[in-house]
Every structure is written in C-alpha cells, then in structure tokens.
Amino acid sequence: MTGLPVSTDTSADVFAARQPASTNVSSGRIYFWQTASMWIGVGRGRTQWHQHHAHQLTLALEGEHRLRTQVDGSWEVYRGSIVLSHSPHQFEVDGTRVAILFVEPESNAGRSLTRRFGPQGICPLPDDDTLAAARPLRSALDERADAKLMIAAASQVLALLCSDAVEPTAGLDPRLARAIDYVRRNIRNPISLAQAAAAATLSESRFRHLFVAETGCSFRAYLLWLRINVAIESVMAGASWTEAAHDAGFSDSAHLTRTHKRMFGVEPTSLRAPT
C-alpha cells in the first residue's frame, strides 16, 4: 500500500484487508524501503473504493485477484496488474497468496512504469512478466527470507517490469528533487509549502505548479502519502494508532483513519501485529 519515506529494510508481520461487513483478515509481511514498499502474504476480502499516490503492482503468487474502476462496473480478473497513480479502484482477493508493490511515481522506477503503462487506469501485466516476477517473490516467501533478501527480490521485480519502458526515463527536476529530499528528512515535523519551495529555491506559486507537473498530485496530497507511511511504520514498531498519528504529524487518530481509508480502502485497525 505504501512506500516508506524515511527508512529502509523494515518489515512487520501484518497484512490485512477486510470488507466493512466482514471479519475476514489477511496475513503476511510488509517491507518498506525508499520510495517503495511491498505487502506479501495471503490476501482475503474486498477493499472500499480508494486511490493512492503510488503505482500499485499486484502479483498473484497463486490463483488470481480482481479489480474494478466503476461502482457498477464488472470485476476484471488478473494474475498480474498495475493500478496507476491516483486511479480510483476496488480490490478483491479470496484467500490466495499475493504480493503488492507500491512505487512512488516520481521515483526512477515509478517514472519508468508510467512511461510503459500510461499515466492512469488499470493495466494487466504481460503473462510472461507476471510469471517471471512472481517466481523470486514466491521463492523468497517460501524460504522465509529476511527483510534484506525480500527487498532484493522486490527490487529484481521492479527492474524486470521497468525494462520494457518505451524510452529512457528523464530524471526528476533537480529543484523538485531537493525539495522532496527536504520533505523526507523532515516528515515527522510540520512542513509548509513555503519551506518546501525554499528548499527548491522557487516561489510558492512556481513550486506548486512544478510539483503538480512532475508528480501528478498536489503538495498536500503528497505529504499525506508520506505521513501515512510514517504512521504505518510506527505501528509496525509497536506504537498504537493514536501514538502513530501524532508521530506522523496527523492532527489526531481520526484524521489518520480517514486518510488511511481514502488511500487504501480499509480501516487502519485491519493492520494487526501477530500475538
């Protein structure tokens, strides 16, 4: 669901999604690294409607998963899929093993994925790519690999899926790169548009325009994306959701809950550490 903004090589034994009227809960592990994350394990249930800043790559390690983009639309069945950044959707899976990678679109890998699959919507991954990508993840999961090896396997998957980009991906505007670096380093503190613009050595109005042009979202939406990841990281480290909300800079736990549901389609409390 998310890419961790501030740390690397962290994981936790949780991975859950449930329907509003269901007690179905999934289990697995979450791994975070810079600009990306992976949720891998047994998925069960249906999300509410949601959208998020990151591209979502889903690989069925066995069986299949389903997605739809219209409230009255039919469910499409996939072995491998990509939901592009800020594309509203629902996700459903019936107790099968899946790996979900979230890749921030302004990262090098994210920009390559945009180039290959388009700016928005849902696309199937080619069957050959799906099979090749699922193989190292399935093996690492079966072998109970540690966080370093799991992240290496996920990075291998991204390299594979980015290899067919139509043309080389241009780098992020260096002024925006400076601002994003500043935001990542200070994400647990209050951050204003003016501060980020100053890091980019731009006026606020010019920075706001450049940010949307380069990332496809507003600066505020990007901050929320990073902060929700900080909150999840805190919970994985043993904090309560209330503590995590304050650590990540949310006004309160209710604000965090609303943001989590809007971005991931599930209650944050559906993420539970093992007993």
C-alpha atoms as a PDB file:
ATOM      1  CA  MET A   1       0.000   0.000   0.000  1.00  0.00           C
ATOM      2  CA  THR A   2       2.756   2.476   0.631  1.00  0.00           C
ATOM      3  CA  GLY A   3       6.390   3.450   0.121  1.00  0.00           C
ATOM      4  CA  LEU A   4       8.231   4.333   3.284  1.00  0.00           C
ATOM      5  CA  PRO A   5       9.556   7.893   3.147  1.00  0.00           C
ATOM      6  CA  VAL A   6      12.298   7.873   5.743  1.00  0.00           C
ATOM      7  CA  SER A   7      13.861   4.490   6.477  1.00  0.00           C
ATOM      8  CA  THR A   8      14.858   1.220   4.878  1.00  0.00           C
ATOM      9  CA  ASP A   9      14.868  -2.529   5.498  1.00  0.00           C
ATOM     10  CA  THR A  10      11.949  -2.613   7.917  1.00  0.00           C
ATOM     11  CA  SER A  11       9.219  -5.216   7.984  1.00  0.00           C
ATOM     12  CA  ALA A  12       6.340  -6.437  10.094  1.00  0.00           C
ATOM     13  CA  ASP A  13       4.114  -9.491  10.310  1.00  0.00           C
ATOM     14  CA  VAL A  14       0.898  -7.822   9.238  1.00  0.00           C
ATOM     15  CA  PHE A  15      -1.054  -7.535   6.006  1.00  0.00           C
ATOM     16  CA  ALA A  16      -4.803  -7.210   6.186  1.00  0.00           C
ATOM     17  CA  ALA A  17      -7.826  -6.178   4.170  1.00  0.00           C
ATOM     18  CA  ARG A  18     -11.433  -6.729   5.081  1.00  0.00           C
ATOM     19  CA  GLN A  19     -14.877  -5.789   3.907  1.00  0.00           C
ATOM     20  CA  PRO A  20     -16.936  -3.407   6.032  1.00  0.00           C
ATOM     21  CA  ALA A  21     -19.370  -6.164   6.999  1.00  0.00           C
ATOM     22  CA  SER A  22     -16.818  -8.956   7.201  1.00  0.00           C
ATOM     23  CA  THR A  23     -14.341 -10.293   9.727  1.00  0.00           C
ATOM     24  CA  ASN A  24     -12.078 -11.717   7.032  1.00  0.00           C
ATOM     25  CA  VAL A  25      -8.495 -10.688   7.725  1.00  0.00           C
ATOM     26  CA  SER A  26      -5.383 -11.491   5.722  1.00  0.00           C
ATOM     27  CA  SER A  27      -1.875 -12.142   6.993  1.00  0.00           C
ATOM     28  CA  GLY A  28       1.673 -11.704   5.800  1.00  0.00           C
ATOM     29  CA  ARG A  29       4.561  -9.258   5.935  1.00  0.00           C
ATOM     30  CA  ILE A  30       5.215  -5.625   4.984  1.00  0.00           C
ATOM     31  CA  TYR A  31       8.596  -4.384   3.774  1.00  0.00           C
ATOM     32  CA  PHE A  32       9.499  -0.719   3.339  1.00  0.00           C
ATOM     33  CA  TRP A  33      12.349   0.918   1.510  1.00  0.00           C
ATOM     34  CA  GLN A  34      12.939   4.309  -0.044  1.00  0.00           C
ATOM     35  CA  THR A  35      10.126   5.255  -2.474  1.00  0.00           C
ATOM     36  CA  ALA A  36       8.503   1.801  -2.409  1.00  0.00           C
ATOM     37  CA  SER A  37       7.054  -0.952  -0.242  1.00  0.00           C
ATOM     38  CA  MET A  38       5.798  -4.489  -0.568  1.00  0.00           C
ATOM     39  CA  TRP A  39       2.914  -6.243   1.154  1.00  0.00           C
ATOM     40  CA  ILE A  40       3.164 -10.002   0.677  1.00  0.00           C
ATOM     41  CA  GLY A  41       1.117 -12.867   2.091  1.00  0.00           C
ATOM     42  CA  VAL A  42      -2.353 -14.385   1.993  1.00  0.00           C
ATOM     43  CA  GLY A  43      -4.988 -11.857   0.897  1.00  0.00           C
ATOM     44  CA  ARG A  44      -8.647 -12.147   1.744  1.00  0.00           C
ATOM     45  CA  GLY A  45     -11.519  -9.684   1.350  1.00  0.00           C
ATOM     46  CA  ARG A  46     -12.626  -6.613  -0.582  1.00  0.00           C
ATOM     47  CA  THR A  47     -11.498  -3.047  -0.103  1.00  0.00           C
ATOM     48  CA  GLN A  48     -13.722   0.008  -0.192  1.00  0.00           C
ATOM     49  CA  TRP A  49     -13.246   2.490  -3.041  1.00  0.00           C
ATOM     50  CA  HIS A  50      -9.910   4.225  -2.727  1.00  0.00           C
ATOM     51  CA  GLN A  51      -6.965   5.757  -4.564  1.00  0.00           C
ATOM     52  CA  HIS A  52      -3.377   6.440  -3.606  1.00  0.00           C
ATOM     53  CA  HIS A  53      -0.340   8.312  -4.820  1.00  0.00           C
ATOM     54  CA  ALA A  54       1.777   5.250  -5.600  1.00  0.00           C
ATOM     55  CA  HIS A  55       1.509   2.899  -8.530  1.00  0.00           C
ATOM     56  CA  GLN A  56       0.211  -0.448  -7.256  1.00  0.00           C
ATOM     57  CA  LEU A  57       1.690  -3.610  -8.755  1.00  0.00           C
ATOM     58  CA  THR A  58      -0.173  -6.778  -7.760  1.00  0.00           C
ATOM     59  CA  LEU A  59       1.160 -10.253  -8.488  1.00  0.00           C
ATOM     60  CA  ALA A  60      -0.851 -13.356  -7.693  1.00  0.00           C
ATOM     61  CA  LEU A  61       1.688 -15.874  -6.381  1.00  0.00           C
ATOM     62  CA  GLU A  62      -1.087 -18.412  -6.806  1.00  0.00           C
ATOM     63  CA  GLY A  63      -4.653 -18.051  -8.054  1.00  0.00           C
ATOM     64  CA  GLU A  64      -5.815 -14.580  -9.074  1.00  0.00           C
ATOM     65  CA  HIS A  65      -7.106 -11.224  -7.874  1.00  0.00           C
ATOM     66  CA  ARG A  66      -9.845  -8.884  -9.077  1.00  0.00           C
ATOM     67  CA  LEU A  67     -10.091  -5.149  -9.669  1.00  0.00           C
ATOM     68  CA  ARG A  68     -12.718  -2.702 -10.898  1.00  0.00           C
ATOM     69  CA  THR A  69     -12.785   1.025 -11.614  1.00  0.00           C
ATOM     70  CA  GLN A  70     -16.535   1.750 -11.775  1.00  0.00           C
ATOM     71  CA  VAL A  71     -19.095   1.362  -8.999  1.00  0.00           C
ATOM     72  CA  ASP A  72     -21.444  -0.544 -11.289  1.00  0.00           C
ATOM     73  CA  GLY A  73     -18.653  -1.988 -13.382  1.00  0.00           C
ATOM     74  CA  SER A  74     -17.746  -5.632 -13.690  1.00  0.00           C
ATOM     75  CA  TRP A  75     -14.811  -7.157 -11.873  1.00  0.00           C
ATOM     76  CA  GLU A  76     -11.796  -7.909 -14.053  1.00  0.00           C
ATOM     77  CA  VAL A  77      -9.675 -10.940 -13.202  1.00  0.00           C
ATOM     78  CA  TYR A  78      -5.858 -10.673 -13.197  1.00  0.00           C
ATOM     79  CA  ARG A  79      -2.787 -12.723 -12.437  1.00  0.00           C
ATOM     80  CA  GLY A  80      -0.682  -9.564 -12.594  1.00  0.00           C
ATOM     81  CA  SER A  81      -1.874  -5.949 -12.731  1.00  0.00           C
ATOM     82  CA  ILE A  82      -0.795  -2.362 -12.281  1.00  0.00           C
ATOM     83  CA  VAL A  83      -3.069   0.347 -10.902  1.00  0.00           C
ATOM     84  CA  LEU A  84      -1.542   3.644 -11.937  1.00  0.00           C
ATOM     85  CA  SER A  85      -1.177   6.567  -9.545  1.00  0.00           C
ATOM     86  CA  HIS A  86      -4.397   8.251  -8.351  1.00  0.00           C
ATOM     87  CA  SER A  87      -6.708   5.781 -10.130  1.00  0.00           C
ATOM     88  CA  PRO A  88      -9.859   5.047  -8.066  1.00  0.00           C
ATOM     89  CA  HIS A  89     -10.465   1.314  -7.706  1.00  0.00           C
ATOM     90  CA  GLN A  90     -11.628  -1.594  -5.609  1.00  0.00           C
ATOM     91  CA  PHE A  91      -9.503  -4.672  -4.958  1.00  0.00           C
ATOM     92  CA  GLU A  92     -10.680  -8.189  -4.066  1.00  0.00           C
ATOM     93  CA  VAL A  93      -8.909 -11.481  -3.369  1.00  0.00           C
ATOM     94  CA  ASP A  94     -10.128 -14.817  -1.986  1.00  0.00           C
ATOM     95  CA  GLY A  95      -7.561 -16.269   0.361  1.00  0.00           C
ATOM     96  CA  THR A  96      -4.674 -16.654  -2.086  1.00  0.00           C
ATOM     97  CA  ARG A  97      -1.073 -15.523  -1.814  1.00  0.00           C
ATOM     98  CA  VAL A  98      -0.371 -12.161  -3.398  1.00  0.00           C
ATOM     99  CA  ALA A  99       2.432  -9.625  -3.477  1.00  0.00           C
ATOM    100  CA  ILE A 100       1.534  -5.938  -3.730  1.00  0.00           C
ATOM    101  CA  LEU A 101       4.272  -3.429  -4.505  1.00  0.00           C
ATOM    102  CA  PHE A 102       3.654   0.291  -4.123  1.00  0.00           C
ATOM    103  CA  VAL A 103       6.015   2.502  -6.118  1.00  0.00           C
ATOM    104  CA  GLU A 104       6.044   6.289  -5.878  1.00  0.00           C
ATOM    105  CA  PRO A 105       5.554   7.640  -9.420  1.00  0.00           C
ATOM    106  CA  GLU A 106       8.205  10.344  -9.135  1.00  0.00           C
ATOM    107  CA  SER A 107      10.920   7.744  -8.388  1.00  0.00           C
ATOM    108  CA  ASN A 108      13.036   6.394 -11.240  1.00  0.00           C
ATOM    109  CA  ALA A 109      11.141   3.094 -11.212  1.00  0.00           C
ATOM    110  CA  GLY A 110       7.814   4.896 -10.944  1.00  0.00           C
ATOM    111  CA  ARG A 111       8.574   7.121 -13.915  1.00  0.00           C
ATOM    112  CA  SER A 112       9.566   4.094 -15.981  1.00  0.00           C
ATOM    113  CA  LEU A 113       6.311   2.360 -15.065  1.00  0.00           C
ATOM    114  CA  THR A 114       4.354   5.467 -16.076  1.00  0.00           C
ATOM    115  CA  ARG A 115       6.213   5.533 -19.373  1.00  0.00           C
ATOM    116  CA  ARG A 116       5.438   1.880 -20.051  1.00  0.00           C
ATOM    117  CA  PHE A 117       1.855   1.573 -18.835  1.00  0.00           C
ATOM    118  CA  GLY A 118       0.407   5.081 -19.068  1.00  0.00           C
ATOM    119  CA  PRO A 119      -0.453   7.799 -16.575  1.00  0.00           C
ATOM    120  CA  GLN A 120      -3.731   6.406 -15.156  1.00  0.00           C
ATOM    121  CA  GLY A 121      -6.074   3.455 -15.060  1.00  0.00           C
ATOM    122  CA  ILE A 122      -5.521  -0.286 -14.611  1.00  0.00           C
ATOM    123  CA  CYS A 123      -3.451  -2.434 -16.961  1.00  0.00           C
ATOM    124  CA  PRO A 124      -2.779  -6.169 -16.986  1.00  0.00           C
ATOM    125  CA  LEU A 125       0.837  -7.175 -16.700  1.00  0.00           C
ATOM    126  CA  PRO A 126       2.013  -9.397 -19.562  1.00  0.00           C
ATOM    127  CA  ASP A 127       1.768 -13.089 -18.615  1.00  0.00           C
ATOM    128  CA  ASP A 128       5.477 -13.695 -19.144  1.00  0.00           C
ATOM    129  CA  ASP A 129       6.370 -10.767 -16.904  1.00  0.00           C
ATOM    130  CA  THR A 130       3.888 -11.884 -14.249  1.00  0.00           C
ATOM    131  CA  LEU A 131       5.318 -15.397 -14.132  1.00  0.00           C
ATOM    132  CA  ALA A 132       8.912 -14.157 -14.093  1.00  0.00           C
ATOM    133  CA  ALA A 133       8.171 -11.548 -11.393  1.00  0.00           C
ATOM    134  CA  ALA A 134       6.215 -13.921  -9.165  1.00  0.00           C
ATOM    135  CA  ARG A 135       8.958 -16.566  -9.162  1.00  0.00           C
ATOM    136  CA  PRO A 136      11.596 -14.826  -6.964  1.00  0.00           C
ATOM    137  CA  LEU A 137       8.934 -13.474  -4.602  1.00  0.00           C
ATOM    138  CA  ARG A 138       7.330 -16.889  -4.158  1.00  0.00           C
ATOM    139  CA  SER A 139      10.718 -18.482  -3.530  1.00  0.00           C
ATOM    140  CA  ALA A 140      11.725 -15.819  -1.003  1.00  0.00           C
ATOM    141  CA  LEU A 141       8.400 -16.171   0.795  1.00  0.00           C
ATOM    142  CA  ASP A 142       8.634 -19.975   0.895  1.00  0.00           C
ATOM    143  CA  GLU A 143      12.184 -19.780   2.219  1.00  0.00           C
ATOM    144  CA  ARG A 144      11.214 -17.240   4.902  1.00  0.00           C
ATOM    145  CA  ALA A 145      13.868 -14.869   3.623  1.00  0.00           C
ATOM    146  CA  ASP A 146      14.909 -11.956   5.810  1.00  0.00           C
ATOM    147  CA  ALA A 147      13.999  -8.349   5.041  1.00  0.00           C
ATOM    148  CA  LYS A 148      17.171  -7.659   3.060  1.00  0.00           C
ATOM    149  CA  LEU A 149      16.571 -10.611   0.726  1.00  0.00           C
ATOM    150  CA  MET A 150      12.860  -9.856   0.361  1.00  0.00           C
ATOM    151  CA  ILE A 151      13.607  -6.276  -0.635  1.00  0.00           C
ATOM    152  CA  ALA A 152      16.258  -7.533  -3.065  1.00  0.00           C
ATOM    153  CA  ALA A 153      13.663  -9.842  -4.655  1.00  0.00           C
ATOM    154  CA  ALA A 154      11.190  -6.963  -4.918  1.00  0.00           C
ATOM    155  CA  SER A 155      13.854  -4.753  -6.492  1.00  0.00           C
ATOM    156  CA  GLN A 156      14.519  -7.526  -9.004  1.00  0.00           C
ATOM    157  CA  VAL A 157      10.815  -7.488  -9.893  1.00  0.00           C
ATOM    158  CA  LEU A 158      10.839  -3.727 -10.434  1.00  0.00           C
ATOM    159  CA  ALA A 159      13.922  -3.957 -12.642  1.00  0.00           C
ATOM    160  CA  LEU A 160      12.139  -6.582 -14.747  1.00  0.00           C
ATOM    161  CA  LEU A 161       8.925  -4.595 -15.109  1.00  0.00           C
ATOM    162  CA  CYS A 162      10.742  -1.345 -15.884  1.00  0.00           C
ATOM    163  CA  SER A 163      12.993  -2.901 -18.507  1.00  0.00           C
ATOM    164  CA  ASP A 164      10.447  -2.505 -21.317  1.00  0.00           C
ATOM    165  CA  ALA A 165       9.830   1.211 -20.849  1.00  0.00           C
ATOM    166  CA  VAL A 166       9.276   2.789 -24.247  1.00  0.00           C
ATOM    167  CA  GLU A 167      12.234   5.112 -23.895  1.00  0.00           C
ATOM    168  CA  PRO A 168      14.713   6.134 -21.197  1.00  0.00           C
ATOM    169  CA  THR A 169      13.046   7.991 -18.355  1.00  0.00           C
ATOM    170  CA  ALA A 170      14.123  11.582 -17.807  1.00  0.00           C
ATOM    171  CA  GLY A 171      15.252  12.418 -14.294  1.00  0.00           C
ATOM    172  CA  LEU A 172      13.207  14.390 -11.809  1.00  0.00           C
ATOM    173  CA  ASP A 173      13.676  18.140 -11.968  1.00  0.00           C
ATOM    174  CA  PRO A 174      16.650  18.768  -9.619  1.00  0.00           C
ATOM    175  CA  ARG A 175      14.840  21.616  -7.851  1.00  0.00           C
ATOM    176  CA  LEU A 176      11.965  19.303  -7.027  1.00  0.00           C
ATOM    177  CA  ALA A 177      14.392  16.544  -6.045  1.00  0.00           C
ATOM    178  CA  ARG A 178      15.928  18.904  -3.468  1.00  0.00           C
ATOM    179  CA  ALA A 179      12.501  19.750  -2.083  1.00  0.00           C
ATOM    180  CA  ILE A 180      11.442  16.101  -1.855  1.00  0.00           C
ATOM    181  CA  ASP A 181      14.689  15.230  -0.084  1.00  0.00           C
ATOM    182  CA  TYR A 182      13.998  18.043   2.400  1.00  0.00           C
ATOM    183  CA  VAL A 183      10.444  16.793   2.960  1.00  0.00           C
ATOM    184  CA  ARG A 184      11.581  13.189   3.527  1.00  0.00           C
ATOM    185  CA  ARG A 185      14.212  14.234   6.051  1.00  0.00           C
ATOM    186  CA  ASN A 186      11.700  16.339   7.993  1.00  0.00           C
ATOM    187  CA  ILE A 187       8.472  14.408   7.508  1.00  0.00           C
ATOM    188  CA  ARG A 188       7.911  13.870  11.241  1.00  0.00           C
ATOM    189  CA  ASN A 189       7.874  17.652  11.737  1.00  0.00           C
ATOM    190  CA  PRO A 190       5.409  20.279  10.490  1.00  0.00           C
ATOM    191  CA  ILE A 191       6.248  21.170   6.881  1.00  0.00           C
ATOM    192  CA  SER A 192       4.786  24.091   4.970  1.00  0.00           C
ATOM    193  CA  LEU A 193       4.601  24.736   1.254  1.00  0.00           C
ATOM    194  CA  ALA A 194       6.811  27.764   1.832  1.00  0.00           C
ATOM    195  CA  GLN A 195       9.544  25.619   3.418  1.00  0.00           C
ATOM    196  CA  ALA A 196       9.482  23.114   0.578  1.00  0.00           C
ATOM    197  CA  ALA A 197       9.532  25.909  -2.003  1.00  0.00           C
ATOM    198  CA  ALA A 198      12.529  27.471  -0.262  1.00  0.00           C
ATOM    199  CA  ALA A 199      14.364  24.123  -0.432  1.00  0.00           C
ATOM    200  CA  ALA A 200      13.706  24.160  -4.175  1.00  0.00           C
ATOM    201  CA  THR A 201      14.741  27.853  -4.382  1.00  0.00           C
ATOM    202  CA  LEU A 202      11.410  28.667  -6.046  1.00  0.00           C
ATOM    203  CA  SER A 203       8.479  30.913  -5.242  1.00  0.00           C
ATOM    204  CA  GLU A 204       5.491  29.156  -3.675  1.00  0.00           C
ATOM    205  CA  SER A 205       3.359  29.567  -6.795  1.00  0.00           C
ATOM    206  CA  ARG A 206       6.091  28.270  -9.117  1.00  0.00           C
ATOM    207  CA  PHE A 207       6.860  25.373  -6.780  1.00  0.00           C
ATOM    208  CA  ARG A 208       3.182  24.422  -6.551  1.00  0.00           C
ATOM    209  CA  HIS A 209       2.915  24.323 -10.352  1.00  0.00           C
ATOM    210  CA  LEU A 210       6.158  22.356 -10.763  1.00  0.00           C
ATOM    211  CA  PHE A 211       5.169  19.862  -8.099  1.00  0.00           C
ATOM    212  CA  VAL A 212       1.881  19.004  -9.781  1.00  0.00           C
ATOM    213  CA  ALA A 213       3.513  18.831 -13.202  1.00  0.00           C
ATOM    214  CA  GLU A 214       6.246  16.444 -12.018  1.00  0.00           C
ATOM    215  CA  THR A 215       4.320  14.225  -9.566  1.00  0.00           C
ATOM    216  CA  GLY A 216       0.716  14.376 -10.746  1.00  0.00           C
ATOM    217  CA  CYS A 217      -0.619  15.401  -7.343  1.00  0.00           C
ATOM    218  CA  SER A 218      -0.749  18.385  -5.042  1.00  0.00           C
ATOM    219  CA  PHE A 219       1.935  19.021  -2.434  1.00  0.00           C
ATOM    220  CA  ARG A 220      -0.600  18.459   0.341  1.00  0.00           C
ATOM    221  CA  ALA A 221      -1.651  15.091  -1.083  1.00  0.00           C
ATOM    222  CA  TYR A 222       1.986  14.040  -1.298  1.00  0.00           C
ATOM    223  CA  LEU A 223       2.596  15.000   2.317  1.00  0.00           C
ATOM    224  CA  LEU A 224      -0.369  12.870   3.380  1.00  0.00           C
ATOM    225  CA  TRP A 225       1.013   9.943   1.391  1.00  0.00           C
ATOM    226  CA  LEU A 226       4.362  10.165   3.182  1.00  0.00           C
ATOM    227  CA  ARG A 227       2.777  10.706   6.589  1.00  0.00           C
ATOM    228  CA  ILE A 228       0.513   7.664   6.294  1.00  0.00           C
ATOM    229  CA  ASN A 229       3.626   5.591   5.662  1.00  0.00           C
ATOM    230  CA  VAL A 230       5.315   7.014   8.738  1.00  0.00           C
ATOM    231  CA  ALA A 231       2.222   6.101  10.755  1.00  0.00           C
ATOM    232  CA  ILE A 232       2.246   2.528   9.459  1.00  0.00           C
ATOM    233  CA  GLU A 233       5.951   2.254  10.235  1.00  0.00           C
ATOM    234  CA  SER A 234       5.302   3.414  13.801  1.00  0.00           C
ATOM    235  CA  VAL A 235       2.540   0.843  14.286  1.00  0.00           C
ATOM    236  CA  MET A 236       4.796  -1.877  12.907  1.00  0.00           C
ATOM    237  CA  ALA A 237       7.322  -0.862  15.561  1.00  0.00           C
ATOM    238  CA  GLY A 238       4.720  -1.333  18.307  1.00  0.00           C
ATOM    239  CA  ALA A 239       3.031   2.071  18.644  1.00  0.00           C
ATOM    240  CA  SER A 240      -0.724   2.456  18.987  1.00  0.00           C
ATOM    241  CA  TRP A 241      -2.565   4.129  16.134  1.00  0.00           C
ATOM    242  CA  THR A 242      -3.050   7.197  18.332  1.00  0.00           C
ATOM    243  CA  GLU A 243       0.676   7.376  19.004  1.00  0.00           C
ATOM    244  CA  ALA A 244       1.374   6.756  15.320  1.00  0.00           C
ATOM    245  CA  ALA A 245      -0.945   9.607  14.308  1.00  0.00           C
ATOM    246  CA  HIS A 246       0.985  12.084  16.443  1.00  0.00           C
ATOM    247  CA  ASP A 247       4.360  10.701  15.341  1.00  0.00           C
ATOM    248  CA  ALA A 248       3.405  11.138  11.682  1.00  0.00           C
ATOM    249  CA  GLY A 249       2.038  14.652  12.094  1.00  0.00           C
ATOM    250  CA  PHE A 250      -1.707  13.956  11.810  1.00  0.00           C
ATOM    251  CA  SER A 251      -3.967  16.165  13.877  1.00  0.00           C
ATOM    252  CA  ASP A 252      -5.457  13.120  15.606  1.00  0.00           C
ATOM    253  CA  SER A 253      -6.182   9.416  15.084  1.00  0.00           C
ATOM    254  CA  ALA A 254      -9.498  10.223  13.373  1.00  0.00           C
ATOM    255  CA  HIS A 255      -7.635  12.209  10.695  1.00  0.00           C
ATOM    256  CA  LEU A 256      -5.252   9.297  10.197  1.00  0.00           C
ATOM    257  CA  THR A 257      -8.167   6.835   9.944  1.00  0.00           C
ATOM    258  CA  ARG A 258      -9.936   8.920   7.290  1.00  0.00           C
ATOM    259  CA  THR A 259      -6.742   9.247   5.275  1.00  0.00           C
ATOM    260  CA  HIS A 260      -5.963   5.528   5.518  1.00  0.00           C
ATOM    261  CA  LYS A 261      -9.456   4.534   4.357  1.00  0.00           C
ATOM    262  CA  ARG A 262      -9.364   7.025   1.484  1.00  0.00           C
ATOM    263  CA  MET A 263      -5.977   5.794   0.284  1.00  0.00           C
ATOM    264  CA  PHE A 264      -6.231   2.046   0.916  1.00  0.00           C
ATOM    265  CA  GLY A 265      -9.926   1.262   1.243  1.00  0.00           C
ATOM    266  CA  VAL A 266      -9.550  -0.421   4.647  1.00  0.00           C
ATOM    267  CA  GLU A 267      -9.577   0.658   8.276  1.00  0.00           C
ATOM    268  CA  PRO A 268      -6.070   1.128   9.707  1.00  0.00           C
ATOM    269  CA  THR A 269      -7.033  -1.219  12.549  1.00  0.00           C
ATOM    270  CA  SER A 270      -7.259  -4.025   9.981  1.00  0.00           C
ATOM    271  CA  LEU A 271      -3.450  -3.985  10.137  1.00  0.00           C
ATOM    272  CA  ARG A 272      -2.689  -6.101  13.150  1.00  0.00           C
ATOM    273  CA  ALA A 273       0.603  -7.339  14.524  1.00  0.00           C
ATOM    274  CA  PRO A 274       0.771 -11.036  15.476  1.00  0.00           C
ATOM    275  CA  THR A 275       0.168 -12.021  19.073  1.00  0.00           C
END
